Each structure stands twice: as C-alpha cells, then as structure tokens.
PDB file of N, CA and C in Angstrom:
ATOM      1  N   UNK A   1     -37.406  85.877  -1.147  1.00  0.00           N
ATOM      2  CA  UNK A   1     -36.285  85.816   0.069  1.00  0.00           C
ATOM      3  C   UNK A   1     -36.421  85.046   1.205  1.00  0.00           C
ATOM      4  N   UNK A   2     -37.475  84.919   1.767  1.00  0.00           N
ATOM      5  CA  UNK A   2     -38.195  84.519   2.925  1.00  0.00           C
ATOM      6  C   UNK A   2     -38.033  83.017   2.671  1.00  0.00           C
ATOM      7  N   UNK A   3     -38.263  82.582   1.446  1.00  0.00           N
ATOM      8  CA  UNK A   3     -38.351  81.087   1.010  1.00  0.00           C
ATOM      9  C   UNK A   3     -36.939  80.829   1.051  1.00  0.00           C
ATOM     10  N   UNK A   4     -36.192  81.458   0.707  1.00  0.00           N
ATOM     11  CA  UNK A   4     -34.673  81.120   0.172  1.00  0.00           C
ATOM     12  C   UNK A   4     -33.919  80.678   1.662  1.00  0.00           C
ATOM     13  N   UNK A   5     -34.230  81.222   2.798  1.00  0.00           N
ATOM     14  CA  UNK A   5     -33.520  80.686   4.164  1.00  0.00           C
ATOM     15  C   UNK A   5     -33.935  79.350   4.280  1.00  0.00           C
ATOM     16  N   UNK A   6     -35.153  78.938   4.500  1.00  0.00           N
ATOM     17  CA  UNK A   6     -35.668  77.552   4.903  1.00  0.00           C
ATOM     18  C   UNK A   6     -34.473  76.340   3.618  1.00  0.00           C
ATOM     19  N   UNK A   7     -34.892  76.758   2.453  1.00  0.00           N
ATOM     20  CA  UNK A   7     -34.389  76.233   1.583  1.00  0.00           C
ATOM     21  C   UNK A   7     -32.681  76.125   1.592  1.00  0.00           C
ATOM     22  N   UNK A   8     -31.920  76.915   2.251  1.00  0.00           N
ATOM     23  CA  UNK A   8     -30.225  76.437   2.373  1.00  0.00           C
ATOM     24  C   UNK A   8     -30.206  75.908   3.585  1.00  0.00           C
ATOM     25  N   UNK A   9     -31.264  75.909   4.584  1.00  0.00           N
ATOM     26  CA  UNK A   9     -30.899  75.086   5.888  1.00  0.00           C
ATOM     27  C   UNK A   9     -31.426  73.740   5.178  1.00  0.00           C
ATOM     28  N   UNK A  10     -32.106  73.476   4.873  1.00  0.00           N
ATOM     29  CA  UNK A  10     -32.438  71.928   4.390  1.00  0.00           C
ATOM     30  C   UNK A  10     -31.478  71.428   3.483  1.00  0.00           C
ATOM     31  N   UNK A  11     -30.957  72.398   2.065  1.00  0.00           N
ATOM     32  CA  UNK A  11     -29.585  72.051   1.541  1.00  0.00           C
ATOM     33  C   UNK A  11     -28.279  71.586   2.141  1.00  0.00           C
ATOM     34  N   UNK A  12     -28.018  72.538   3.447  1.00  0.00           N
ATOM     35  CA  UNK A  12     -26.858  72.299   4.245  1.00  0.00           C
ATOM     36  C   UNK A  12     -27.239  71.300   4.748  1.00  0.00           C
ATOM     37  N   UNK A  13     -28.172  70.941   5.437  1.00  0.00           N
ATOM     38  CA  UNK A  13     -28.392  69.736   6.380  1.00  0.00           C
ATOM     39  C   UNK A  13     -28.556  68.684   5.258  1.00  0.00           C
ATOM     40  N   UNK A  14     -28.856  68.534   4.156  1.00  0.00           N
ATOM     41  CA  UNK A  14     -28.956  67.386   3.429  1.00  0.00           C
ATOM     42  C   UNK A  14     -27.547  66.906   3.059  1.00  0.00           C
ATOM     43  N   UNK A  15     -26.832  68.016   2.776  1.00  0.00           N
ATOM     44  CA  UNK A  15     -25.343  67.746   2.175  1.00  0.00           C
ATOM     45  C   UNK A  15     -24.343  67.534   3.925  1.00  0.00           C
ATOM     46  N   UNK A  16     -25.027  68.000   4.746  1.00  0.00           N
ATOM     47  CA  UNK A  16     -24.220  67.413   5.669  1.00  0.00           C
ATOM     48  C   UNK A  16     -24.458  66.182   5.889  1.00  0.00           C
ATOM     49  N   UNK A  17     -25.665  65.207   5.722  1.00  0.00           N
ATOM     50  CA  UNK A  17     -25.985  63.606   5.907  1.00  0.00           C
ATOM     51  C   UNK A  17     -25.142  63.194   5.082  1.00  0.00           C
ATOM     52  N   UNK A  18     -24.856  63.543   3.933  1.00  0.00           N
ATOM     53  CA  UNK A  18     -23.938  63.070   2.784  1.00  0.00           C
ATOM     54  C   UNK A  18     -22.653  62.788   3.203  1.00  0.00           C
ATOM     55  N   UNK A  19     -22.261  63.643   3.881  1.00  0.00           N
ATOM     56  CA  UNK A  19     -20.557  63.823   4.136  1.00  0.00           C
ATOM     57  C   UNK A  19     -20.300  63.210   5.580  1.00  0.00           C
ATOM     58  N   UNK A  20     -21.391  62.493   6.385  1.00  0.00           N
ATOM     59  CA  UNK A  20     -21.406  61.872   7.611  1.00  0.00           C
ATOM     60  C   UNK A  20     -20.350  60.572   7.487  1.00  0.00           C
ATOM     61  N   UNK A  21     -18.768  60.761   7.916  1.00  0.00           N
ATOM     62  CA  UNK A  21     -18.437  59.404   7.777  1.00  0.00           C
ATOM     63  C   UNK A  21     -18.872  58.425   8.222  1.00  0.00           C
ATOM     64  N   UNK A  22     -18.510  57.086   8.126  1.00  0.00           N
ATOM     65  CA  UNK A  22     -18.996  55.806   8.573  1.00  0.00           C
ATOM     66  C   UNK A  22     -18.351  55.730  10.084  1.00  0.00           C
ATOM     67  N   UNK A  23     -19.437  54.903  10.911  1.00  0.00           N
ATOM     68  CA  UNK A  23     -18.851  54.758  12.576  1.00  0.00           C
ATOM     69  C   UNK A  23     -17.308  53.966  12.422  1.00  0.00           C
ATOM     70  N   UNK A  24     -16.338  54.043  13.228  1.00  0.00           N
ATOM     71  CA  UNK A  24     -14.920  53.299  13.239  1.00  0.00           C
ATOM     72  C   UNK A  24     -15.623  52.143  13.585  1.00  0.00           C
ATOM     73  N   UNK A  25     -14.467  51.132  13.150  1.00  0.00           N
ATOM     74  CA  UNK A  25     -14.803  49.729  13.326  1.00  0.00           C
ATOM     75  C   UNK A  25     -14.943  49.174  15.248  1.00  0.00           C
ATOM     76  N   UNK A  26     -14.331  49.979  15.873  1.00  0.00           N
ATOM     77  CA  UNK A  26     -14.476  49.967  17.127  1.00  0.00           C
ATOM     78  C   UNK A  26     -15.392  51.006  17.756  1.00  0.00           C
ATOM     79  N   UNK A  27     -16.625  50.946  17.363  1.00  0.00           N
ATOM     80  CA  UNK A  27     -17.519  52.564  18.150  1.00  0.00           C
ATOM     81  C   UNK A  27     -17.451  52.182  19.834  1.00  0.00           C
ATOM     82  N   UNK A  28     -17.011  53.216  20.194  1.00  0.00           N
ATOM     83  CA  UNK A  28     -17.018  53.201  21.762  1.00  0.00           C
ATOM     84  C   UNK A  28     -18.633  53.682  21.961  1.00  0.00           C
ATOM     85  N   UNK A  29     -19.289  53.295  23.075  1.00  0.00           N
ATOM     86  CA  UNK A  29     -20.777  53.688  23.190  1.00  0.00           C
ATOM     87  C   UNK A  29     -20.737  55.060  23.620  1.00  0.00           C
ATOM     88  N   UNK A  30     -21.749  56.009  23.596  1.00  0.00           N
ATOM     89  CA  UNK A  30     -21.608  57.528  23.986  1.00  0.00           C
ATOM     90  C   UNK A  30     -21.124  57.844  25.443  1.00  0.00           C
ATOM     91  N   UNK A  31     -21.654  56.726  26.351  1.00  0.00           N
ATOM     92  CA  UNK A  31     -21.631  56.899  27.960  1.00  0.00           C
ATOM     93  C   UNK A  31     -20.113  56.745  28.068  1.00  0.00           C
ATOM     94  N   UNK A  32     -19.536  55.874  27.338  1.00  0.00           N
ATOM     95  CA  UNK A  32     -17.859  55.572  27.379  1.00  0.00           C
ATOM     96  C   UNK A  32     -17.273  57.037  26.725  1.00  0.00           C
ATOM     97  N   UNK A  33     -17.503  57.297  25.772  1.00  0.00           N
ATOM     98  CA  UNK A  33     -17.051  58.467  25.413  1.00  0.00           C
ATOM     99  C   UNK A  33     -17.039  59.776  26.304  1.00  0.00           C
ATOM    100  N   UNK A  34     -18.392  60.015  26.776  1.00  0.00           N
ATOM    101  CA  UNK A  34     -18.403  61.265  27.969  1.00  0.00           C
ATOM    102  C   UNK A  34     -17.430  60.782  29.167  1.00  0.00           C
ATOM    103  N   UNK A  35     -17.137  59.776  29.412  1.00  0.00           N
ATOM    104  CA  UNK A  35     -16.341  59.166  30.641  1.00  0.00           C
ATOM    105  C   UNK A  35     -15.194  59.847  30.325  1.00  0.00           C
ATOM    106  N   UNK A  36     -14.536  59.321  28.720  1.00  0.00           N
ATOM    107  CA  UNK A  36     -12.983  59.555  28.546  1.00  0.00           C
ATOM    108  C   UNK A  36     -13.117  61.067  28.177  1.00  0.00           C
ATOM    109  N   UNK A  37     -14.029  61.865  27.874  1.00  0.00           N
ATOM    110  CA  UNK A  37     -13.718  63.125  27.491  1.00  0.00           C
ATOM    111  C   UNK A  37     -13.530  63.939  29.175  1.00  0.00           C
ATOM    112  N   UNK A  38     -14.588  63.450  29.902  1.00  0.00           N
ATOM    113  CA  UNK A  38     -14.602  63.933  31.478  1.00  0.00           C
ATOM    114  C   UNK A  38     -13.252  63.584  32.161  1.00  0.00           C
ATOM    115  N   UNK A  39     -12.717  62.401  32.000  1.00  0.00           N
ATOM    116  CA  UNK A  39     -11.290  62.182  32.468  1.00  0.00           C
ATOM    117  C   UNK A  39     -10.189  63.087  32.005  1.00  0.00           C
ATOM    118  N   UNK A  40     -10.445  63.090  30.440  1.00  0.00           N
ATOM    119  CA  UNK A  40      -9.241  63.885  29.903  1.00  0.00           C
ATOM    120  C   UNK A  40      -9.479  65.415  30.392  1.00  0.00           C
ATOM    121  N   UNK A  41     -10.555  65.962  30.644  1.00  0.00           N
ATOM    122  CA  UNK A  41     -10.713  67.340  31.271  1.00  0.00           C
ATOM    123  C   UNK A  41      -9.967  67.291  32.352  1.00  0.00           C
ATOM    124  N   UNK A  42     -10.047  66.725  33.177  1.00  0.00           N
ATOM    125  CA  UNK A  42      -9.314  66.414  34.928  1.00  0.00           C
ATOM    126  C   UNK A  42      -8.134  66.402  34.105  1.00  0.00           C
ATOM    127  N   UNK A  43      -7.589  65.528  33.492  1.00  0.00           N
ATOM    128  CA  UNK A  43      -6.068  65.145  33.250  1.00  0.00           C
ATOM    129  C   UNK A  43      -5.575  66.655  32.623  1.00  0.00           C
ATOM    130  N   UNK A  44      -6.138  67.135  32.051  1.00  0.00           N
ATOM    131  CA  UNK A  44      -5.906  68.433  31.602  1.00  0.00           C
ATOM    132  C   UNK A  44      -5.622  69.865  32.634  1.00  0.00           C
ATOM    133  N   UNK A  45      -7.103  69.622  33.394  1.00  0.00           N
ATOM    134  CA  UNK A  45      -6.811  70.197  34.817  1.00  0.00           C
ATOM    135  C   UNK A  45      -5.517  69.882  35.771  1.00  0.00           C
ATOM    136  N   UNK A  46      -5.317  68.870  35.594  1.00  0.00           N
ATOM    137  CA  UNK A  46      -4.257  68.445  36.879  1.00  0.00           C
ATOM    138  C   UNK A  46      -3.110  68.801  35.896  1.00  0.00           C
ATOM    139  N   UNK A  47      -3.018  68.784  35.123  1.00  0.00           N
ATOM    140  CA  UNK A  47      -1.455  69.424  34.536  1.00  0.00           C
ATOM    141  C   UNK A  47      -1.002  70.751  34.542  1.00  0.00           C
ATOM    142  N   UNK A  48      -2.229  71.569  34.439  1.00  0.00           N
ATOM    143  CA  UNK A  48      -1.939  72.873  34.786  1.00  0.00           C
ATOM    144  C   UNK A  48      -2.272  73.509  35.997  1.00  0.00           C
ATOM    145  N   UNK A  49      -2.633  72.409  36.838  1.00  0.00           N
ATOM    146  CA  UNK A  49      -2.777  73.147  38.302  1.00  0.00           C
ATOM    147  C   UNK A  49      -1.256  73.093  39.126  1.00  0.00           C
ATOM    148  N   UNK A  50      -1.198  73.681  39.796  1.00  0.00           N
ATOM    149  CA  UNK A  50       0.375  73.344  40.665  1.00  0.00           C
ATOM    150  C   UNK A  50       0.261  72.849  41.783  1.00  0.00           C
ATOM    151  N   UNK A  51      -0.696  72.385  41.988  1.00  0.00           N
ATOM    152  CA  UNK A  51      -1.319  71.721  43.327  1.00  0.00           C
ATOM    153  C   UNK A  51      -1.005  70.188  43.107  1.00  0.00           C
ATOM    154  N   UNK A  52      -1.033  69.787  41.920  1.00  0.00           N
ATOM    155  CA  UNK A  52      -0.729  68.372  41.855  1.00  0.00           C
ATOM    156  C   UNK A  52       0.861  67.923  41.656  1.00  0.00           C
ATOM    157  N   UNK A  53       1.420  66.977  42.485  1.00  0.00           N
ATOM    158  CA  UNK A  53       2.694  66.650  42.383  1.00  0.00           C
ATOM    159  C   UNK A  53       2.926  66.289  41.112  1.00  0.00           C
ATOM    160  N   UNK A  54       4.278  66.192  40.640  1.00  0.00           N
ATOM    161  CA  UNK A  54       4.733  65.962  39.660  1.00  0.00           C
ATOM    162  C   UNK A  54       4.826  64.166  38.971  1.00  0.00           C
ATOM    163  N   UNK A  55       4.991  63.773  40.571  1.00  0.00           N
ATOM    164  CA  UNK A  55       4.697  62.293  40.451  1.00  0.00           C
ATOM    165  C   UNK A  55       3.618  61.434  39.748  1.00  0.00           C
ATOM    166  N   UNK A  56       2.492  62.437  40.446  1.00  0.00           N
ATOM    167  CA  UNK A  56       1.277  61.927  40.308  1.00  0.00           C
ATOM    168  C   UNK A  56       0.639  61.921  38.667  1.00  0.00           C
ATOM    169  N   UNK A  57       1.473  63.024  38.066  1.00  0.00           N
ATOM    170  CA  UNK A  57       1.343  63.354  36.505  1.00  0.00           C
ATOM    171  C   UNK A  57       1.898  62.300  35.934  1.00  0.00           C
ATOM    172  N   UNK A  58       2.864  61.472  36.353  1.00  0.00           N
ATOM    173  CA  UNK A  58       3.363  60.569  35.614  1.00  0.00           C
ATOM    174  C   UNK A  58       2.773  59.590  35.722  1.00  0.00           C
ATOM    175  N   UNK A  59       1.882  59.324  36.399  1.00  0.00           N
ATOM    176  CA  UNK A  59       1.070  57.766  36.664  1.00  0.00           C
ATOM    177  C   UNK A  59      -0.270  58.144  35.993  1.00  0.00           C
ATOM    178  N   UNK A  60      -0.885  59.572  36.132  1.00  0.00           N
ATOM    179  CA  UNK A  60      -1.977  59.758  35.658  1.00  0.00           C
ATOM    180  C   UNK A  60      -2.007  61.014  34.269  1.00  0.00           C
ATOM    181  N   UNK A  61      -1.972  60.283  33.301  1.00  0.00           N
ATOM    182  CA  UNK A  61      -1.785  60.718  31.792  1.00  0.00           C
ATOM    183  C   UNK A  61      -2.618  60.095  31.125  1.00  0.00           C
ATOM    184  N   UNK A  62      -2.418  60.560  29.709  1.00  0.00           N
ATOM    185  CA  UNK A  62      -3.249  60.439  28.719  1.00  0.00           C
ATOM    186  C   UNK A  62      -2.943  58.497  28.358  1.00  0.00           C
ATOM    187  N   UNK A  63      -1.999  57.763  28.854  1.00  0.00           N
ATOM    188  CA  UNK A  63      -1.659  56.377  28.738  1.00  0.00           C
ATOM    189  C   UNK A  63      -2.423  55.906  29.802  1.00  0.00           C
ATOM    190  N   UNK A  64      -2.568  56.223  30.883  1.00  0.00           N
ATOM    191  CA  UNK A  64      -3.735  55.912  31.873  1.00  0.00           C
ATOM    192  C   UNK A  64      -5.150  56.029  31.394  1.00  0.00           C
ATOM    193  N   UNK A  65      -5.264  56.989  30.912  1.00  0.00           N
ATOM    194  CA  UNK A  65      -7.033  57.203  30.542  1.00  0.00           C
ATOM    195  C   UNK A  65      -6.959  55.514  29.188  1.00  0.00           C
ATOM    196  N   UNK A  66      -5.915  55.801  28.506  1.00  0.00           N
ATOM    197  CA  UNK A  66      -6.172  54.293  27.355  1.00  0.00           C
ATOM    198  C   UNK A  66      -6.038  53.147  28.155  1.00  0.00           C
ATOM    199  N   UNK A  67      -5.385  53.127  29.122  1.00  0.00           N
ATOM    200  CA  UNK A  67      -5.559  51.903  30.022  1.00  0.00           C
ATOM    201  C   UNK A  67      -6.912  51.810  30.549  1.00  0.00           C
ATOM    202  N   UNK A  68      -7.447  52.793  30.940  1.00  0.00           N
ATOM    203  CA  UNK A  68      -8.621  52.631  32.329  1.00  0.00           C
ATOM    204  C   UNK A  68      -9.818  52.232  31.396  1.00  0.00           C
ATOM    205  N   UNK A  69      -9.825  52.687  30.380  1.00  0.00           N
ATOM    206  CA  UNK A  69     -10.810  52.345  29.340  1.00  0.00           C
ATOM    207  C   UNK A  69     -10.928  51.292  28.206  1.00  0.00           C
ATOM    208  N   UNK A  70      -9.369  50.462  28.261  1.00  0.00           N
ATOM    209  CA  UNK A  70      -9.081  49.582  27.295  1.00  0.00           C
ATOM    210  C   UNK A  70      -8.997  49.949  25.741  1.00  0.00           C
ATOM    211  N   UNK A  71      -8.489  50.884  25.457  1.00  0.00           N
ATOM    212  CA  UNK A  71      -8.864  51.774  24.489  1.00  0.00           C
ATOM    213  C   UNK A  71      -7.430  52.088  23.520  1.00  0.00           C
ATOM    214  N   UNK A  72      -7.277  52.021  22.468  1.00  0.00           N
ATOM    215  CA  UNK A  72      -5.990  52.401  21.567  1.00  0.00           C
ATOM    216  C   UNK A  72      -6.455  53.461  21.121  1.00  0.00           C
ATOM    217  N   UNK A  73      -5.125  54.371  21.076  1.00  0.00           N
ATOM    218  CA  UNK A  73      -5.214  55.927  21.094  1.00  0.00           C
ATOM    219  C   UNK A  73      -5.909  55.848  19.576  1.00  0.00           C
ATOM    220  N   UNK A  74      -5.525  55.256  18.609  1.00  0.00           N
ATOM    221  CA  UNK A  74      -6.017  55.448  17.066  1.00  0.00           C
ATOM    222  C   UNK A  74      -7.705  55.302  17.133  1.00  0.00           C
ATOM    223  N   UNK A  75      -8.138  54.236  18.191  1.00  0.00           N
ATOM    224  CA  UNK A  75      -9.271  54.233  18.042  1.00  0.00           C
ATOM    225  C   UNK A  75     -10.112  55.030  18.788  1.00  0.00           C
ATOM    226  N   UNK A  76      -9.548  55.741  19.884  1.00  0.00           N
ATOM    227  CA  UNK A  76      -9.979  57.088  20.703  1.00  0.00           C
ATOM    228  C   UNK A  76     -10.196  57.988  19.232  1.00  0.00           C
ATOM    229  N   UNK A  77      -9.017  58.585  18.881  1.00  0.00           N
ATOM    230  CA  UNK A  77      -8.892  59.406  17.789  1.00  0.00           C
ATOM    231  C   UNK A  77     -10.289  59.392  16.834  1.00  0.00           C
ATOM    232  N   UNK A  78     -10.248  58.384  16.440  1.00  0.00           N
ATOM    233  CA  UNK A  78     -11.103  57.936  14.974  1.00  0.00           C
ATOM    234  C   UNK A  78     -12.669  58.180  15.958  1.00  0.00           C
ATOM    235  N   UNK A  79     -13.076  57.685  17.285  1.00  0.00           N
ATOM    236  CA  UNK A  79     -14.299  57.867  17.934  1.00  0.00           C
ATOM    237  C   UNK A  79     -14.640  59.612  17.922  1.00  0.00           C
ATOM    238  N   UNK A  80     -13.365  60.018  18.750  1.00  0.00           N
ATOM    239  CA  UNK A  80     -13.412  61.434  18.835  1.00  0.00           C
ATOM    240  C   UNK A  80     -14.228  62.354  17.331  1.00  0.00           C
ATOM    241  N   UNK A  81     -13.603  61.927  16.307  1.00  0.00           N
ATOM    242  CA  UNK A  81     -13.797  62.387  15.250  1.00  0.00           C
ATOM    243  C   UNK A  81     -15.375  62.077  14.929  1.00  0.00           C
ATOM    244  N   UNK A  82     -15.739  60.790  15.030  1.00  0.00           N
ATOM    245  CA  UNK A  82     -17.005  60.375  14.453  1.00  0.00           C
ATOM    246  C   UNK A  82     -18.048  61.059  15.187  1.00  0.00           C
ATOM    247  N   UNK A  83     -17.833  61.067  16.699  1.00  0.00           N
ATOM    248  CA  UNK A  83     -18.972  61.960  17.693  1.00  0.00           C
ATOM    249  C   UNK A  83     -19.028  63.354  17.174  1.00  0.00           C
ATOM    250  N   UNK A  84     -18.098  63.910  16.534  1.00  0.00           N
ATOM    251  CA  UNK A  84     -17.688  65.247  16.621  1.00  0.00           C
ATOM    252  C   UNK A  84     -18.657  65.771  15.136  1.00  0.00           C
ATOM    253  N   UNK A  85     -18.880  64.841  14.550  1.00  0.00           N
ATOM    254  CA  UNK A  85     -19.924  65.020  13.346  1.00  0.00           C
ATOM    255  C   UNK A  85     -21.156  65.408  13.412  1.00  0.00           C
ATOM    256  N   UNK A  86     -21.458  64.919  14.858  1.00  0.00           N
ATOM    257  CA  UNK A  86     -22.881  65.270  15.551  1.00  0.00           C
ATOM    258  C   UNK A  86     -23.018  66.376  16.473  1.00  0.00           C
ATOM    259  N   UNK A  87     -23.284  67.289  16.018  1.00  0.00           N
ATOM    260  CA  UNK A  87     -22.830  68.777  17.438  1.00  0.00           C
ATOM    261  C   UNK A  87     -23.916  68.439  18.137  1.00  0.00           C
ATOM    262  N   UNK A  88     -24.863  68.464  18.127  1.00  0.00           N
ATOM    263  CA  UNK A  88     -26.284  68.314  19.337  1.00  0.00           C
ATOM    264  C   UNK A  88     -25.793  67.242  20.166  1.00  0.00           C
ATOM    265  N   UNK A  89     -25.310  65.941  19.779  1.00  0.00           N
ATOM    266  CA  UNK A  89     -24.923  64.555  20.321  1.00  0.00           C
ATOM    267  C   UNK A  89     -23.838  65.118  21.224  1.00  0.00           C
ATOM    268  N   UNK A  90     -22.679  65.955  20.817  1.00  0.00           N
ATOM    269  CA  UNK A  90     -21.460  66.554  21.356  1.00  0.00           C
ATOM    270  C   UNK A  90     -21.875  67.341  22.588  1.00  0.00           C
ATOM    271  N   UNK A  91     -22.818  68.487  22.351  1.00  0.00           N
ATOM    272  CA  UNK A  91     -23.132  69.393  23.144  1.00  0.00           C
ATOM    273  C   UNK A  91     -24.016  68.884  24.480  1.00  0.00           C
ATOM    274  N   UNK A  92     -24.936  67.650  23.891  1.00  0.00           N
ATOM    275  CA  UNK A  92     -25.459  67.079  25.264  1.00  0.00           C
ATOM    276  C   UNK A  92     -24.586  66.580  26.072  1.00  0.00           C
ATOM    277  N   UNK A  93     -23.397  65.634  25.455  1.00  0.00           N
ATOM    278  CA  UNK A  93     -22.371  65.205  26.401  1.00  0.00           C
ATOM    279  C   UNK A  93     -21.572  66.054  27.084  1.00  0.00           C
ATOM    280  N   UNK A  94     -21.476  67.205  26.337  1.00  0.00           N
ATOM    281  CA  UNK A  94     -20.250  68.116  27.258  1.00  0.00           C
ATOM    282  C   UNK A  94     -21.511  68.913  28.384  1.00  0.00           C
ATOM    283  N   UNK A  95     -22.505  68.988  28.182  1.00  0.00           N
ATOM    284  CA  UNK A  95     -23.669  69.309  29.066  1.00  0.00           C
ATOM    285  C   UNK A  95     -23.832  68.371  30.338  1.00  0.00           C
ATOM    286  N   UNK A  96     -23.846  67.623  30.081  1.00  0.00           N
ATOM    287  CA  UNK A  96     -23.731  66.436  31.068  1.00  0.00           C
ATOM    288  C   UNK A  96     -22.247  66.401  32.042  1.00  0.00           C
ATOM    289  N   UNK A  97     -21.307  66.354  31.109  1.00  0.00           N
ATOM    290  CA  UNK A  97     -19.671  66.556  31.594  1.00  0.00           C
ATOM    291  C   UNK A  97     -19.839  67.952  32.544  1.00  0.00           C
ATOM    292  N   UNK A  98     -20.223  68.988  32.022  1.00  0.00           N
ATOM    293  CA  UNK A  98     -20.556  70.314  32.903  1.00  0.00           C
ATOM    294  C   UNK A  98     -20.718  70.271  34.154  1.00  0.00           C
ATOM    295  N   UNK A  99     -22.263  69.377  34.420  1.00  0.00           N
ATOM    296  CA  UNK A  99     -22.968  69.200  35.682  1.00  0.00           C
ATOM    297  C   UNK A  99     -22.264  68.196  36.205  1.00  0.00           C
ATOM    298  N   UNK A 100     -21.301  67.027  35.612  1.00  0.00           N
ATOM    299  CA  UNK A 100     -20.539  66.050  36.897  1.00  0.00           C
ATOM    300  C   UNK A 100     -19.225  67.084  37.345  1.00  0.00           C
ATOM    301  N   UNK A 101     -18.638  67.940  36.461  1.00  0.00           N
ATOM    302  CA  UNK A 101     -17.750  68.717  36.832  1.00  0.00           C
ATOM    303  C   UNK A 101     -18.311  69.876  38.127  1.00  0.00           C
ATOM    304  N   UNK A 102     -19.523  70.355  37.646  1.00  0.00           N
ATOM    305  CA  UNK A 102     -19.823  71.183  38.722  1.00  0.00           C
ATOM    306  C   UNK A 102     -20.166  70.303  40.194  1.00  0.00           C
ATOM    307  N   UNK A 103     -20.650  69.164  40.030  1.00  0.00           N
ATOM    308  CA  UNK A 103     -21.025  68.488  41.116  1.00  0.00           C
ATOM    309  C   UNK A 103     -19.669  68.259  41.969  1.00  0.00           C
ATOM    310  N   UNK A 104     -18.701  67.721  41.133  1.00  0.00           N
ATOM    311  CA  UNK A 104     -17.335  67.304  41.627  1.00  0.00           C
ATOM    312  C   UNK A 104     -16.921  68.686  42.521  1.00  0.00           C
ATOM    313  N   UNK A 105     -16.868  69.727  41.624  1.00  0.00           N
ATOM    314  CA  UNK A 105     -16.421  70.801  42.329  1.00  0.00           C
ATOM    315  C   UNK A 105     -17.356  71.496  43.908  1.00  0.00           C
ATOM    316  N   UNK A 106     -18.628  71.184  44.014  1.00  0.00           N
ATOM    317  CA  UNK A 106     -19.467  71.370  45.013  1.00  0.00           C
ATOM    318  C   UNK A 106     -18.980  70.721  46.279  1.00  0.00           C
ATOM    319  N   UNK A 107     -18.506  69.110  45.629  1.00  0.00           N
ATOM    320  CA  UNK A 107     -18.256  67.978  46.669  1.00  0.00           C
ATOM    321  C   UNK A 107     -17.114  68.780  47.361  1.00  0.00           C
ATOM    322  N   UNK A 108     -15.922  69.458  46.620  1.00  0.00           N
ATOM    323  CA  UNK A 108     -14.922  69.606  46.954  1.00  0.00           C
ATOM    324  C   UNK A 108     -14.701  70.934  48.118  1.00  0.00           C
ATOM    325  N   UNK A 109     -15.715  71.634  47.562  1.00  0.00           N
ATOM    326  CA  UNK A 109     -16.039  72.796  48.175  1.00  0.00           C
ATOM    327  C   UNK A 109     -16.638  72.440  49.658  1.00  0.00           C
ATOM    328  N   UNK A 110     -17.661  71.413  49.652  1.00  0.00           N
ATOM    329  CA  UNK A 110     -17.956  70.944  50.756  1.00  0.00           C
ATOM    330  C   UNK A 110     -17.096  70.203  51.963  1.00  0.00           C
ATOM    331  N   UNK A 111     -16.009  69.598  51.184  1.00  0.00           N
ATOM    332  CA  UNK A 111     -14.996  69.058  51.838  1.00  0.00           C
ATOM    333  C   UNK A 111     -13.947  70.130  52.426  1.00  0.00           C
ATOM    334  N   UNK A 112     -13.867  70.737  51.779  1.00  0.00           N
ATOM    335  CA  UNK A 112     -12.664  72.178  52.109  1.00  0.00           C
ATOM    336  C   UNK A 112     -13.575  72.909  53.394  1.00  0.00           C
ATOM    337  N   UNK A 113     -14.665  72.968  53.137  1.00  0.00           N
ATOM    338  CA  UNK A 113     -15.628  73.879  54.390  1.00  0.00           C
ATOM    339  C   UNK A 113     -15.475  73.102  55.644  1.00  0.00           C
ATOM    340  N   UNK A 114     -15.742  71.495  55.547  1.00  0.00           N
ATOM    341  CA  UNK A 114     -15.608  70.654  56.712  1.00  0.00           C
ATOM    342  C   UNK A 114     -14.208  70.617  57.345  1.00  0.00           C
ATOM    343  N   UNK A 115     -13.097  70.728  56.422  1.00  0.00           N
ATOM    344  CA  UNK A 115     -11.715  70.626  56.930  1.00  0.00           C
ATOM    345  C   UNK A 115     -11.507  71.897  57.704  1.00  0.00           C
ATOM    346  N   UNK A 116     -11.666  72.996  57.200  1.00  0.00           N
ATOM    347  CA  UNK A 116     -11.412  74.317  57.916  1.00  0.00           C
ATOM    348  C   UNK A 116     -12.503  74.605  59.247  1.00  0.00           C
ATOM    349  N   UNK A 117     -13.679  73.938  59.280  1.00  0.00           N
ATOM    350  CA  UNK A 117     -14.218  73.922  60.236  1.00  0.00           C
ATOM    351  C   UNK A 117     -13.471  73.146  61.368  1.00  0.00           C
ATOM    352  N   UNK A 118     -12.657  72.041  61.372  1.00  0.00           N
ATOM    353  CA  UNK A 118     -11.939  71.190  61.932  1.00  0.00           C
ATOM    354  C   UNK A 118     -10.676  72.065  62.863  1.00  0.00           C
ATOM    355  N   UNK A 119     -10.265  72.474  61.579  1.00  0.00           N
ATOM    356  CA  UNK A 119      -9.226  73.400  61.856  1.00  0.00           C
ATOM    357  C   UNK A 119      -9.413  74.336  62.832  1.00  0.00           C
ATOM    358  N   UNK A 120     -10.584  75.243  62.499  1.00  0.00           N
ATOM    359  CA  UNK A 120     -11.161  76.218  63.537  1.00  0.00           C
ATOM    360  C   UNK A 120     -11.219  75.858  64.914  1.00  0.00           C
ATOM    361  N   UNK A 121     -11.860  74.493  64.787  1.00  0.00           N
ATOM    362  CA  UNK A 121     -11.946  73.935  66.497  1.00  0.00           C
ATOM    363  C   UNK A 121     -10.858  73.568  67.600  1.00  0.00           C
ATOM    364  N   UNK A 122      -9.957  73.210  66.216  1.00  0.00           N
ATOM    365  CA  UNK A 122      -8.361  72.791  66.805  1.00  0.00           C
ATOM    366  C   UNK A 122      -8.056  73.884  67.398  1.00  0.00           C
ATOM    367  N   UNK A 123      -7.799  74.969  66.716  1.00  0.00           N
ATOM    368  CA  UNK A 123      -7.064  76.325  67.303  1.00  0.00           C
ATOM    369  C   UNK A 123      -7.956  77.019  68.323  1.00  0.00           C
ATOM    370  N   UNK A 124      -9.124  76.734  68.617  1.00  0.00           N
ATOM    371  CA  UNK A 124      -9.678  77.330  69.963  1.00  0.00           C
ATOM    372  C   UNK A 124      -9.484  76.740  70.881  1.00  0.00           C
TER     373      UNK A 124
END
C-alpha cells in the first residue's frame, strides 16, 4: 500500500504532462503576464471601491489594460489558460504580485501618515 501512493503521483504527473496544451501563437513573457494580472487586480479593487470616481473607471478598464500591453483579449485569454496549466509557476507569480501589492499598501500607508501629520501641524 505504501508503494501505491508514489505510483499514483507518478502516474498523475505523467498524465498531466501529456495533457498540457501547446503555447499560444503569441506567448506573452511570464513577467508581462505577471504585470497584467497585477494591473487587473488593481482594476478590480478600483471597481469595488467607492473611493474611485466613476469617470476614472471609464478610462481605467479592461480595454485600457489591453491597450497598455498591446495585446488582444483572445491572446490574453489564451495565455491565461496556458499559464494556468503550470500551478507552481502561477503560484510563484501570485507570490510576487502579493509582495508588490503589500509594497504598494505600505507606500500608501506612509503617504497617508505624512499627510495626516501635515494636517495636524496646520491645525496647531
């Protein structure tokens, strides 16, 4: 029974390797995909936030991201499907994206702290 589990894992990994779809005709570099995913996450956050003006959302939308990276929607979808076949690679991308988001949050917190200090000085 103990030999059964490693055999199943090897069989699963072997089958997974056989089912990997070929790369799309236009394969975006991993760094570009990471940037696109990062921007899409920021966009979704903006959409769900009431702090962003409606006019800004008319400018910054999915079409903006496609124009920014000069990619068509179908190409982006094909690349997302392709990269999603590699969970380790996607996980490492999301770890780096999370670090970028944490850095952004820290920067915003520092900026807010400085602005609050300025306001407090003006009130005194």
